Amino acid sequence: MPLSPLPPAADVVVVGGGPVGMLLAAELALRQVRVVVLERAERTVDEPRAGTLHARTAQSLVRRGVLPGGPADASAGEWTSTPFHFAGMPGLTISAPAAEGAPVVGMPQARIERYFEARTRELGGTVVRGATVRAVRQGAGSVEVELSDGSAITSGWVVGCDGARSTVRAQAGIGSSEHPATCAALVAMVRLTDPARAFPGWHRTPRGWIMMNVNPFGISRVLTFDFDARHDDRRAPVTLAELSETTERIAGRAVPMTGLGPAGRFSDFARLADTYREGRVLLAGDAAHVHFPVGGQGLNLGLQDAFNLGWKLSAVLRDGAPEELLDSYTQERRPTARRVIDNTRIQATLMDPSSRFDPLRAHYRELLTLPEANRRIGDMISGQEAAYGHGFAQDRALGGAHAGLRLSDLLAGGRAVLLDEGEGVGAAAQAAEAWSDRLETAVAAVPEGPRPCVRLVRPDGYVAWSSPSHAVRARELQDVLARLLGPHRPRTAAGQGAEPPAVGQHAEAATARGR
């Protein structure tokens, strides 16, 4: 991608152009928000980092048309499963409704970043690479972001997606709680010269853990977990000699390797920001939360931040929704991050090879044999336990004017959906008519339960409001719509919604109301 010049102003500046920042930018650009991404790297680098998309993230990407869903004729009670691990121990199963597609999808982090960068640009967003942020200053109704070369950009809002050492978090004065590291880990891409001496998958010894994605014909991914060491400098380069020595020491025998490629260090250090919002500055991804990256939960946690924040920030900017909607971002996403930090700390303890943890490992192995416990842990790891409001709306076939389409098809445009399971779109559609410029209305092909309901599905796929089809309270629905999507707009003589005001007008109105 060619480097873009820095514009003087934007509605939203996203600092950090990793997968989370690029997805957030694409979500904002989808809703015609003027967004600028500032990324210090001049290009995306292929690194041996996260490459697992868990069920809830995959389901969210289905709802943007990025991934295919499952079979359209799958029944409501039909599920599909994939074997996974918990703290390196086999026995965990990740399950999801068959209609949603695969519950675990392998996709390199760099590929996700490239895809959403291209999508952001196609939708009219701006990506400025080679841009290092030096300062973030909040003013009356705007935020100024200064770069290391002295140039600056002014915006209505700033979102820090700039990683664990977030400049935005520090500049905003957002505090955090931390848990110190107990292990030192290495990850690298190498060529194994004797693949027969490798350890495919997860392997525990009395000295630590090794995990290898063995490719006998090319480049393999190697991870080591040492609970008797600490990283003196997380940024120090990893050498082939260090990786070979660490692997041999933990394995108890040599694992010949050569051709060191991208490599890095990590640990089980954990941090959780005290809030995800301070005035006009918000945080997402590793800037908000850091944890032991076991099981690939970190990438998914950050991407779900972006799905949650994107439509809310757009509603405040574009449609005049109350700023309190942005406070719900912290209220919904921070407890989810707390759960991930807690379960990864548990996994780090289980992975400590000391014999004193053998009883704890035996206990969890037994838990994984119990269907209900296995399902609970699987939902936690895959993000499917998140249930804001009335839960996540399962993908399903539509009827009426949308026959042949699915709920995910309507959500692909980033708008909310009013889904009626009754005989036709009646009282609910009439009550919501003034929001038709921000809301799709559809009829479900088959009721989900014994009693037909009307459900308001948020742009991120969660159900914000539900009512029996025969007992819709118009005022109640309208209050929810105003809170989530902004006030209705006057109707024109032609019966169409008036054009939305300029984005800047919403920012000024929000400032006048105060936080």
Protein backbone atom coordinates (compact mmCIF):
# COMPACT_ATOMS: atom_id res chain seq x y z
CA MET A 1 0.00 0.00 0.00
CA PRO A 2 1.35 3.50 -0.79
CA LEU A 3 1.95 5.75 2.20
CA SER A 4 -0.83 8.30 2.65
CA PRO A 5 -0.31 11.93 3.70
CA LEU A 6 -1.56 13.05 7.11
CA PRO A 7 -4.88 14.92 6.80
CA PRO A 8 -5.42 17.91 9.13
CA ALA A 9 -8.60 16.56 10.74
CA ALA A 10 -10.82 13.50 11.15
CA ASP A 11 -13.86 12.34 13.06
CA VAL A 12 -11.91 9.47 14.65
CA VAL A 13 -8.18 8.81 14.82
CA VAL A 14 -7.23 5.19 15.48
CA VAL A 15 -3.69 4.92 16.83
CA GLY A 16 -2.27 1.53 15.93
CA GLY A 17 -2.94 -0.38 12.74
CA GLY A 18 -2.78 -3.98 13.85
CA PRO A 19 -5.77 -6.29 13.30
CA VAL A 20 -7.84 -4.58 16.01
CA GLY A 21 -7.16 -1.05 14.79
CA MET A 22 -7.76 -1.96 11.15
CA LEU A 23 -11.03 -3.78 11.94
CA LEU A 24 -12.24 -0.83 14.02
CA ALA A 25 -11.36 1.55 11.20
CA ALA A 26 -13.25 -0.62 8.70
CA GLU A 27 -16.29 -0.69 11.01
CA LEU A 28 -16.25 3.11 11.26
CA ALA A 29 -15.68 3.64 7.54
CA LEU A 30 -18.55 1.25 6.79
CA ARG A 31 -20.80 3.78 8.53
CA GLN A 32 -19.30 6.77 6.68
CA VAL A 33 -17.25 8.05 9.60
CA ARG A 34 -14.10 9.94 8.57
CA VAL A 35 -11.47 7.72 10.15
CA VAL A 36 -7.67 7.96 10.03
CA VAL A 37 -5.38 5.14 11.18
CA LEU A 38 -1.89 6.08 12.39
CA GLU A 39 0.52 3.14 12.28
CA ARG A 40 4.24 3.44 12.92
CA ALA A 41 5.20 0.38 10.85
CA GLU A 42 5.53 1.05 7.13
CA ARG A 43 4.23 -2.39 6.22
CA THR A 44 2.60 -5.45 7.74
CA VAL A 45 5.11 -8.03 8.93
CA ASP A 46 4.42 -11.76 8.87
CA GLU A 47 5.19 -12.90 12.41
CA PRO A 48 4.49 -16.20 14.22
CA ARG A 49 1.79 -14.64 16.31
CA ALA A 50 -1.91 -15.36 16.87
CA GLY A 51 -3.61 -17.31 14.12
CA THR A 52 -6.76 -18.69 15.75
CA LEU A 53 -10.19 -17.17 15.25
CA HIS A 54 -12.56 -18.54 17.87
CA ALA A 55 -16.28 -19.11 17.41
CA ARG A 56 -17.68 -15.72 18.43
CA THR A 57 -15.16 -13.84 16.29
CA ALA A 58 -15.81 -16.14 13.33
CA GLN A 59 -19.56 -15.60 13.80
CA SER A 60 -19.04 -11.83 13.86
CA LEU A 61 -17.04 -12.00 10.64
CA VAL A 62 -19.84 -14.04 9.05
CA ARG A 63 -22.09 -11.09 9.91
CA ARG A 64 -19.87 -8.78 7.87
CA GLY A 65 -19.66 -11.10 4.89
CA VAL A 66 -15.97 -11.84 5.53
CA LEU A 67 -16.37 -15.55 6.33
CA PRO A 68 -18.98 -18.00 5.02
CA GLY A 69 -21.61 -19.28 7.42
CA GLY A 70 -22.70 -22.86 7.93
CA PRO A 71 -25.31 -24.78 5.93
CA ALA A 72 -28.51 -22.80 5.46
CA ASP A 73 -30.66 -25.84 6.23
CA ALA A 74 -28.97 -26.64 9.57
CA SER A 75 -31.51 -27.14 12.34
CA ALA A 76 -31.58 -25.00 15.47
CA GLY A 77 -30.36 -27.91 17.60
CA GLU A 78 -27.56 -29.00 15.27
CA TRP A 79 -24.01 -28.31 16.48
CA THR A 80 -20.51 -28.71 15.10
CA SER A 81 -17.40 -29.28 17.22
CA THR A 82 -13.62 -28.99 17.03
CA PRO A 83 -11.09 -30.51 19.46
CA PHE A 84 -8.95 -27.96 21.31
CA HIS A 85 -6.79 -27.80 24.42
CA PHE A 86 -6.81 -26.16 27.84
CA ALA A 87 -3.36 -25.27 29.18
CA GLY A 88 -1.87 -27.62 26.61
CA MET A 89 -3.98 -30.52 27.89
CA PRO A 90 -6.15 -32.29 25.30
CA GLY A 91 -9.82 -33.01 25.91
CA LEU A 92 -11.48 -29.64 25.43
CA THR A 93 -14.11 -29.33 22.69
CA ILE A 94 -15.18 -26.04 21.11
CA SER A 95 -18.77 -26.30 19.86
CA ALA A 96 -21.04 -23.87 18.02
CA PRO A 97 -24.37 -23.98 16.15
CA ALA A 98 -23.86 -25.66 12.78
CA ALA A 99 -25.59 -22.75 11.03
CA GLU A 100 -22.72 -20.50 12.15
CA GLY A 101 -19.95 -22.41 10.39
CA ALA A 102 -16.69 -23.73 11.82
CA PRO A 103 -16.18 -23.00 15.55
CA VAL A 104 -12.41 -22.52 15.09
CA VAL A 105 -10.85 -20.90 12.02
CA GLY A 106 -7.12 -20.72 11.36
CA MET A 107 -6.09 -17.35 9.94
CA PRO A 108 -2.72 -15.57 10.40
CA GLN A 109 -2.85 -12.26 12.21
CA ALA A 110 -1.01 -10.50 9.37
CA ARG A 111 -3.63 -11.66 6.87
CA ILE A 112 -6.41 -10.18 9.01
CA GLU A 113 -4.52 -6.92 9.27
CA ARG A 114 -3.97 -6.71 5.51
CA TYR A 115 -7.58 -7.56 4.73
CA PHE A 116 -9.07 -4.86 6.95
CA GLU A 117 -6.51 -2.29 5.88
CA ALA A 118 -7.60 -2.82 2.28
CA ARG A 119 -11.25 -2.74 3.32
CA THR A 120 -10.75 0.50 5.27
CA ARG A 121 -9.18 2.16 2.25
CA GLU A 122 -11.91 0.89 -0.08
CA LEU A 123 -14.58 2.34 2.22
CA GLY A 124 -12.93 5.76 2.22
CA GLY A 125 -10.83 5.58 5.39
CA THR A 126 -7.23 6.80 5.51
CA VAL A 127 -4.26 4.73 6.69
CA VAL A 128 -1.07 6.66 7.42
CA ARG A 129 1.92 4.37 7.88
CA GLY A 130 5.30 5.40 9.24
CA ALA A 131 3.47 7.60 11.79
CA THR A 132 4.68 7.45 15.41
CA VAL A 133 2.44 9.19 17.95
CA ARG A 134 4.23 11.34 20.52
CA ALA A 135 1.41 13.12 22.34
CA VAL A 136 -2.38 13.05 22.75
CA ARG A 137 -4.01 16.22 24.09
CA GLN A 138 -7.72 16.52 24.87
CA GLY A 139 -9.38 19.87 24.41
CA ALA A 140 -12.90 21.26 24.44
CA GLY A 141 -14.73 18.96 22.06
CA SER A 142 -11.68 17.61 20.22
CA VAL A 143 -8.40 15.74 20.61
CA GLU A 144 -5.06 16.70 19.08
CA VAL A 145 -2.65 13.91 18.17
CA GLU A 146 0.97 14.96 17.65
CA LEU A 147 3.45 12.79 15.74
CA SER A 148 7.16 12.42 16.34
CA ASP A 149 7.98 14.62 13.34
CA GLY A 150 6.00 17.50 14.84
CA SER A 151 2.97 17.21 12.57
CA ALA A 152 -0.48 16.91 14.13
CA ILE A 153 -4.08 15.93 13.42
CA THR A 154 -7.24 17.03 15.23
CA SER A 155 -10.21 14.69 15.68
CA GLY A 156 -13.41 14.32 17.64
CA TRP A 157 -12.30 11.03 19.19
CA VAL A 158 -9.12 8.98 19.53
CA VAL A 159 -8.98 5.21 20.01
CA GLY A 160 -5.74 3.68 21.25
CA CYS A 161 -5.12 0.34 19.56
CA ASP A 162 -1.38 0.76 20.00
CA GLY A 163 -0.57 -2.34 22.00
CA ALA A 164 0.63 -3.25 25.46
CA ARG A 165 2.98 -0.25 25.75
CA SER A 166 0.21 2.09 24.62
CA THR A 167 1.20 5.74 24.28
CA VAL A 168 -2.48 6.66 24.13
CA ARG A 169 -3.26 4.95 27.45
CA ALA A 170 -0.32 6.69 29.11
CA GLN A 171 -1.17 10.10 27.64
CA ALA A 172 -4.81 9.77 28.73
CA GLY A 173 -3.72 8.96 32.28
CA ILE A 174 -5.68 5.70 32.39
CA GLY A 175 -4.48 3.47 35.22
CA SER A 176 -4.42 -0.32 35.30
CA SER A 177 -4.02 -3.38 37.51
CA GLU A 178 -1.18 -5.81 36.79
CA HIS A 179 -0.01 -9.35 37.50
CA PRO A 180 3.76 -10.04 37.17
CA ALA A 181 5.18 -12.67 34.86
CA THR A 182 5.93 -16.18 36.10
CA CYS A 183 7.39 -17.64 32.90
CA ALA A 184 9.48 -16.67 29.89
CA ALA A 185 8.38 -17.87 26.45
CA LEU A 186 9.91 -17.80 22.98
CA VAL A 187 8.15 -18.11 19.63
CA ALA A 188 9.90 -18.42 16.29
CA MET A 189 9.71 -19.69 12.74
CA VAL A 190 12.56 -22.08 11.86
CA ARG A 191 13.43 -24.95 9.57
CA LEU A 192 13.66 -28.27 11.45
CA THR A 193 16.54 -30.22 9.89
CA ASP A 194 15.44 -33.52 11.49
CA PRO A 195 11.62 -33.35 11.80
CA ALA A 196 11.55 -36.90 13.20
CA ARG A 197 13.16 -35.57 16.40
CA ALA A 198 10.55 -32.83 16.80
CA PHE A 199 7.60 -32.80 19.20
CA PRO A 200 4.37 -32.19 17.24
CA GLY A 201 1.75 -30.33 19.22
CA TRP A 202 1.93 -29.66 22.95
CA HIS A 203 4.60 -31.47 24.98
CA ARG A 204 5.30 -31.07 28.72
CA THR A 205 8.51 -32.09 30.46
CA PRO A 206 9.74 -31.54 34.05
CA ARG A 207 11.52 -28.44 32.72
CA GLY A 208 8.72 -26.70 30.84
CA TRP A 209 6.65 -26.92 27.68
CA ILE A 210 7.30 -27.09 23.95
CA MET A 211 4.70 -26.58 21.24
CA MET A 212 5.56 -27.23 17.60
CA ASN A 213 3.59 -26.84 14.40
CA VAL A 214 5.87 -29.21 12.48
CA ASN A 215 6.22 -28.80 8.72
CA PRO A 216 8.63 -31.51 7.47
CA PHE A 217 8.97 -29.78 4.09
CA GLY A 218 9.29 -26.13 5.08
CA ILE A 219 9.09 -23.65 7.93
CA SER A 220 7.86 -24.81 11.35
CA ARG A 221 6.57 -22.78 14.30
CA VAL A 222 8.25 -23.44 17.64
CA LEU A 223 7.21 -22.18 21.08
CA THR A 224 9.00 -22.76 24.39
CA PHE A 225 7.70 -22.05 27.90
CA ASP A 226 10.31 -21.79 30.67
CA PHE A 227 8.97 -21.36 34.22
CA ASP A 228 12.46 -21.10 35.70
CA ALA A 229 13.46 -17.99 33.74
CA ARG A 230 12.37 -14.40 33.19
CA HIS A 231 12.98 -12.07 30.26
CA ASP A 232 15.45 -9.35 31.22
CA ASP A 233 14.45 -7.44 28.10
CA ARG A 234 11.28 -8.39 26.20
CA ARG A 235 12.53 -6.46 23.18
CA ALA A 236 15.91 -8.21 22.95
CA PRO A 237 16.23 -10.14 19.67
CA VAL A 238 15.91 -13.92 19.82
CA THR A 239 18.91 -15.76 18.38
CA LEU A 240 18.98 -19.23 16.84
CA ALA A 241 21.46 -20.30 19.51
CA GLU A 242 19.14 -19.19 22.32
CA LEU A 243 16.13 -20.91 20.78
CA SER A 244 18.08 -24.15 20.15
CA GLU A 245 19.53 -24.19 23.68
CA THR A 246 16.16 -23.49 25.32
CA THR A 247 14.38 -26.12 23.22
CA GLU A 248 17.07 -28.72 23.96
CA ARG A 249 17.07 -27.97 27.68
CA ILE A 250 13.28 -28.26 28.01
CA ALA A 251 12.97 -31.27 25.67
CA GLY A 252 15.89 -33.17 27.19
CA ARG A 253 17.46 -33.77 23.79
CA ALA A 254 18.55 -31.81 20.76
CA VAL A 255 16.01 -30.69 18.17
CA PRO A 256 18.17 -29.61 15.20
CA MET A 257 17.03 -26.40 13.55
CA THR A 258 18.30 -23.71 11.21
CA GLY A 259 17.17 -20.66 9.26
CA LEU A 260 15.68 -18.54 12.03
CA GLY A 261 12.84 -16.41 10.73
CA PRO A 262 10.57 -13.98 12.62
CA ALA A 263 10.94 -14.57 16.37
CA GLY A 264 9.89 -12.93 19.62
CA ARG A 265 9.46 -13.14 23.37
CA PHE A 266 6.36 -13.13 25.56
CA SER A 267 5.28 -14.06 29.07
CA ASP A 268 2.20 -14.48 31.24
CA PHE A 269 2.32 -10.86 32.43
CA ALA A 270 -1.23 -9.49 32.65
CA ARG A 271 -2.65 -5.97 32.72
CA LEU A 272 -6.22 -4.62 32.68
CA ALA A 273 -7.00 -0.94 32.19
CA ASP A 274 -9.18 0.62 34.87
CA THR A 275 -11.50 2.03 32.21
CA TYR A 276 -11.69 1.87 28.43
CA ARG A 277 -12.76 5.51 28.14
CA GLU A 278 -11.39 8.78 29.45
CA GLY A 279 -13.29 11.70 27.92
CA ARG A 280 -12.81 11.50 24.16
CA VAL A 281 -10.09 8.86 24.35
CA LEU A 282 -10.92 5.15 24.21
CA LEU A 283 -8.84 1.96 24.30
CA ALA A 284 -9.16 -1.35 22.47
CA GLY A 285 -7.10 -4.51 22.11
CA ASP A 286 -3.79 -4.88 23.94
CA ALA A 287 -3.85 -1.20 24.92
CA ALA A 288 -6.77 -2.13 27.20
CA HIS A 289 -5.79 -5.66 28.25
CA VAL A 290 -2.76 -7.95 28.13
CA HIS A 291 -2.60 -11.59 29.22
CA PHE A 292 -0.86 -14.92 28.68
CA PRO A 293 -1.54 -15.65 24.98
CA VAL A 294 -2.41 -19.31 25.47
CA GLY A 295 -5.27 -20.63 23.35
CA GLY A 296 -5.29 -17.65 20.98
CA GLN A 297 -7.76 -15.62 23.06
CA GLY A 298 -6.00 -12.25 22.83
CA LEU A 299 -6.56 -11.58 19.14
CA ASN A 300 -10.22 -12.53 19.49
CA LEU A 301 -10.68 -10.38 22.59
CA GLY A 302 -9.36 -7.35 20.72
CA LEU A 303 -11.40 -7.98 17.57
CA GLN A 304 -14.54 -8.24 19.70
CA ASP A 305 -13.63 -4.88 21.26
CA ALA A 306 -13.64 -3.42 17.75
CA PHE A 307 -17.01 -4.94 16.85
CA ASN A 308 -18.51 -3.61 20.09
CA LEU A 309 -17.06 -0.11 19.85
CA GLY A 310 -17.39 0.53 16.12
CA TRP A 311 -21.16 0.81 15.88
CA LYS A 312 -21.47 2.68 19.18
CA LEU A 313 -18.94 5.35 18.27
CA SER A 314 -20.58 5.68 14.86
CA ALA A 315 -24.04 6.07 16.45
CA VAL A 316 -22.77 8.90 18.66
CA LEU A 317 -20.98 10.61 15.77
CA ARG A 318 -23.39 10.07 12.89
CA ASP A 319 -26.77 9.76 14.51
CA GLY A 320 -26.66 11.76 17.74
CA ALA A 321 -26.92 8.80 20.11
CA PRO A 322 -26.17 9.81 23.73
CA GLU A 323 -22.53 9.63 24.82
CA GLU A 324 -23.59 7.27 27.60
CA LEU A 325 -23.67 4.60 24.89
CA LEU A 326 -19.86 4.76 24.86
CA ASP A 327 -19.76 4.05 28.59
CA SER A 328 -21.51 0.76 27.87
CA TYR A 329 -18.39 -0.21 25.90
CA THR A 330 -16.36 -0.40 29.11
CA GLN A 331 -19.28 -1.96 30.98
CA GLU A 332 -19.59 -4.78 28.45
CA ARG A 333 -16.01 -5.40 27.35
CA ARG A 334 -13.97 -4.95 30.53
CA PRO A 335 -15.61 -7.85 32.44
CA THR A 336 -14.99 -10.05 29.39
CA ALA A 337 -11.30 -9.14 29.46
CA ARG A 338 -11.24 -9.86 33.20
CA ARG A 339 -12.55 -13.37 32.47
CA VAL A 340 -9.84 -13.96 29.86
CA ILE A 341 -7.10 -12.73 32.20
CA ASP A 342 -8.43 -14.99 34.95
CA ASN A 343 -8.63 -18.11 32.78
CA THR A 344 -5.19 -17.55 31.24
CA ARG A 345 -3.67 -17.11 34.71
CA ILE A 346 -5.25 -20.44 35.64
CA GLN A 347 -3.77 -21.98 32.50
CA ALA A 348 -0.33 -20.56 33.28
CA THR A 349 -0.51 -22.19 36.72
CA LEU A 350 -1.56 -25.51 35.18
CA MET A 351 1.34 -25.30 32.73
CA ASP A 352 3.94 -24.84 35.48
CA PRO A 353 5.70 -28.24 35.30
CA SER A 354 6.35 -28.43 39.05
CA SER A 355 4.96 -31.64 40.58
CA ARG A 356 3.11 -29.59 43.21
CA PHE A 357 0.56 -28.73 40.52
CA ASP A 358 -0.05 -32.36 39.49
CA PRO A 359 -3.24 -32.62 41.62
CA LEU A 360 -4.59 -29.45 40.01
CA ARG A 361 -3.88 -30.79 36.52
CA ALA A 362 -5.58 -34.07 37.40
CA HIS A 363 -8.63 -32.14 38.63
CA TYR A 364 -8.96 -30.19 35.36
CA ARG A 365 -8.48 -33.32 33.26
CA GLU A 366 -11.42 -34.82 35.16
CA LEU A 367 -13.48 -31.66 34.61
CA LEU A 368 -12.89 -31.88 30.86
CA THR A 369 -14.52 -35.33 30.84
CA LEU A 370 -17.79 -33.85 32.18
CA PRO A 371 -19.96 -32.62 29.26
CA GLU A 372 -21.40 -29.60 31.08
CA ALA A 373 -18.01 -28.44 32.40
CA ASN A 374 -16.40 -29.02 29.00
CA ARG A 375 -19.09 -26.94 27.33
CA ARG A 376 -18.71 -24.10 29.87
CA ILE A 377 -14.95 -23.96 29.45
CA GLY A 378 -15.29 -24.20 25.66
CA ASP A 379 -17.75 -21.29 25.59
CA MET A 380 -15.40 -19.25 27.77
CA ILE A 381 -12.36 -19.85 25.55
CA SER A 382 -14.33 -19.25 22.33
CA GLY A 383 -16.01 -16.05 23.54
CA GLN A 384 -19.51 -17.54 23.28
CA GLU A 385 -20.30 -17.01 26.95
CA ALA A 386 -20.61 -13.25 26.29
CA ALA A 387 -24.33 -12.45 26.43
CA TYR A 388 -25.02 -8.73 26.49
CA GLY A 389 -28.71 -7.89 26.73
CA HIS A 390 -30.66 -10.89 25.48
CA GLY A 391 -27.71 -12.83 24.07
CA PHE A 392 -26.24 -13.34 20.61
CA ALA A 393 -28.71 -13.72 17.74
CA GLN A 394 -28.10 -17.01 15.93
CA ASP A 395 -27.92 -16.79 12.17
CA ARG A 396 -31.16 -17.94 10.53
CA ALA A 397 -33.18 -17.89 7.35
CA LEU A 398 -35.49 -14.98 6.59
CA GLY A 399 -38.90 -14.92 4.95
CA GLY A 400 -41.17 -12.40 3.29
CA ALA A 401 -39.38 -9.84 1.12
CA HIS A 402 -36.01 -11.25 2.27
CA ALA A 403 -36.72 -14.89 1.40
CA GLY A 404 -33.49 -16.61 0.39
CA LEU A 405 -31.39 -14.40 2.68
CA ARG A 406 -30.15 -14.91 6.22
CA LEU A 407 -29.88 -12.61 9.21
CA SER A 408 -26.12 -12.35 8.62
CA ASP A 409 -26.79 -10.97 5.11
CA LEU A 410 -28.70 -8.01 6.55
CA LEU A 411 -26.08 -7.37 9.24
CA ALA A 412 -23.31 -7.21 6.63
CA GLY A 413 -24.11 -3.55 5.98
CA GLY A 414 -23.47 -2.65 9.62
CA ARG A 415 -27.06 -1.66 10.43
CA ALA A 416 -29.27 -2.95 13.22
CA VAL A 417 -32.05 -5.42 12.35
CA LEU A 418 -35.60 -5.61 13.72
CA LEU A 419 -36.51 -9.28 13.34
CA ASP A 420 -40.17 -10.28 13.64
CA GLU A 421 -41.15 -13.94 14.01
CA GLY A 422 -44.84 -13.18 13.59
CA GLU A 423 -46.96 -13.59 10.47
CA GLY A 424 -45.77 -10.26 9.12
CA VAL A 425 -44.02 -7.05 10.05
CA GLY A 426 -46.65 -5.26 12.09
CA ALA A 427 -46.69 -3.10 15.21
CA ALA A 428 -42.91 -3.27 15.77
CA ALA A 429 -42.14 -2.11 12.22
CA GLN A 430 -44.60 0.76 12.51
CA ALA A 431 -43.08 1.86 15.82
CA ALA A 432 -39.57 1.77 14.31
CA GLU A 433 -40.42 3.39 10.96
CA ALA A 434 -38.75 6.70 11.89
CA TRP A 435 -35.41 4.85 12.26
CA SER A 436 -35.59 3.16 8.86
CA ASP A 437 -32.44 4.98 7.71
CA ARG A 438 -30.46 3.07 10.36
CA LEU A 439 -32.49 -0.08 10.73
CA GLU A 440 -33.38 -3.10 8.60
CA THR A 441 -36.75 -4.75 9.21
CA ALA A 442 -37.27 -8.42 8.37
CA VAL A 443 -39.43 -11.45 9.05
CA ALA A 444 -37.90 -14.70 10.31
CA ALA A 445 -38.74 -17.76 8.22
CA VAL A 446 -39.38 -19.92 11.29
CA PRO A 447 -40.01 -18.83 14.93
CA GLU A 448 -37.11 -19.61 17.27
CA GLY A 449 -39.33 -20.79 20.11
CA PRO A 450 -42.93 -21.81 20.78
CA ARG A 451 -44.03 -18.17 21.05
CA PRO A 452 -43.14 -15.79 18.17
CA CYS A 453 -41.06 -12.80 19.26
CA VAL A 454 -39.73 -9.54 17.89
CA ARG A 455 -36.01 -8.97 18.47
CA LEU A 456 -33.88 -5.88 17.97
CA VAL A 457 -30.48 -7.12 16.86
CA ARG A 458 -27.62 -4.70 17.35
CA PRO A 459 -25.10 -4.19 14.50
CA ASP A 460 -22.66 -6.46 16.36
CA GLY A 461 -25.17 -9.33 16.43
CA TYR A 462 -26.39 -9.12 20.04
CA VAL A 463 -30.09 -8.82 20.89
CA ALA A 464 -30.78 -5.49 22.60
CA TRP A 465 -34.53 -5.87 23.06
CA SER A 466 -37.11 -8.63 22.77
CA SER A 467 -40.90 -8.81 23.02
CA PRO A 468 -43.67 -11.28 22.17
CA SER A 469 -44.89 -10.44 18.67
CA HIS A 470 -48.46 -9.99 19.88
CA ALA A 471 -47.57 -7.61 22.72
CA VAL A 472 -45.14 -5.04 21.33
CA ARG A 473 -45.00 -1.83 23.35
CA ALA A 474 -44.22 0.86 20.80
CA ARG A 475 -42.90 3.43 23.27
CA GLU A 476 -40.60 0.92 24.92
CA LEU A 477 -39.10 -0.05 21.56
CA GLN A 478 -38.70 3.58 20.52
CA ASP A 479 -36.89 4.40 23.75
CA VAL A 480 -34.42 1.57 23.10
CA LEU A 481 -33.92 2.68 19.49
CA ALA A 482 -33.22 6.27 20.57
CA ARG A 483 -30.73 5.10 23.17
CA LEU A 484 -28.84 2.81 20.78
CA LEU A 485 -29.27 4.41 17.35
CA GLY A 486 -29.95 8.04 18.17
CA PRO A 487 -33.18 10.06 17.95
CA HIS A 488 -35.49 9.61 14.97
CA ARG A 489 -35.28 12.17 12.21
CA PRO A 490 -38.12 14.27 10.83
CA ARG A 491 -39.87 12.82 7.80
CA THR A 492 -39.67 14.69 4.52
CA ALA A 493 -42.67 15.37 2.29
CA ALA A 494 -41.71 12.32 0.25
CA GLY A 495 -41.92 10.22 3.37
CA GLN A 496 -38.19 9.57 3.54
CA GLY A 497 -35.88 10.25 6.45
CA ALA A 498 -34.10 13.57 6.31
CA GLU A 499 -30.39 13.56 5.50
CA PRO A 500 -28.24 13.07 8.60
CA PRO A 501 -26.39 16.14 9.81
CA ALA A 502 -22.66 16.40 9.26
CA VAL A 503 -20.54 14.32 11.58
CA GLY A 504 -19.02 17.38 13.20
CA GLN A 505 -22.48 18.59 14.23
CA HIS A 506 -23.01 15.40 16.23
CA ALA A 507 -19.64 15.81 17.93
CA GLU A 508 -20.54 19.38 18.92
CA ALA A 509 -23.96 18.32 20.19
CA ALA A 510 -22.42 15.53 22.25
CA THR A 511 -19.97 17.97 23.79
CA ALA A 512 -22.78 20.35 24.69
CA ARG A 513 -24.64 17.55 26.51
CA GLY A 514 -21.49 16.68 28.44
CA ARG A 515 -20.38 13.24 29.49
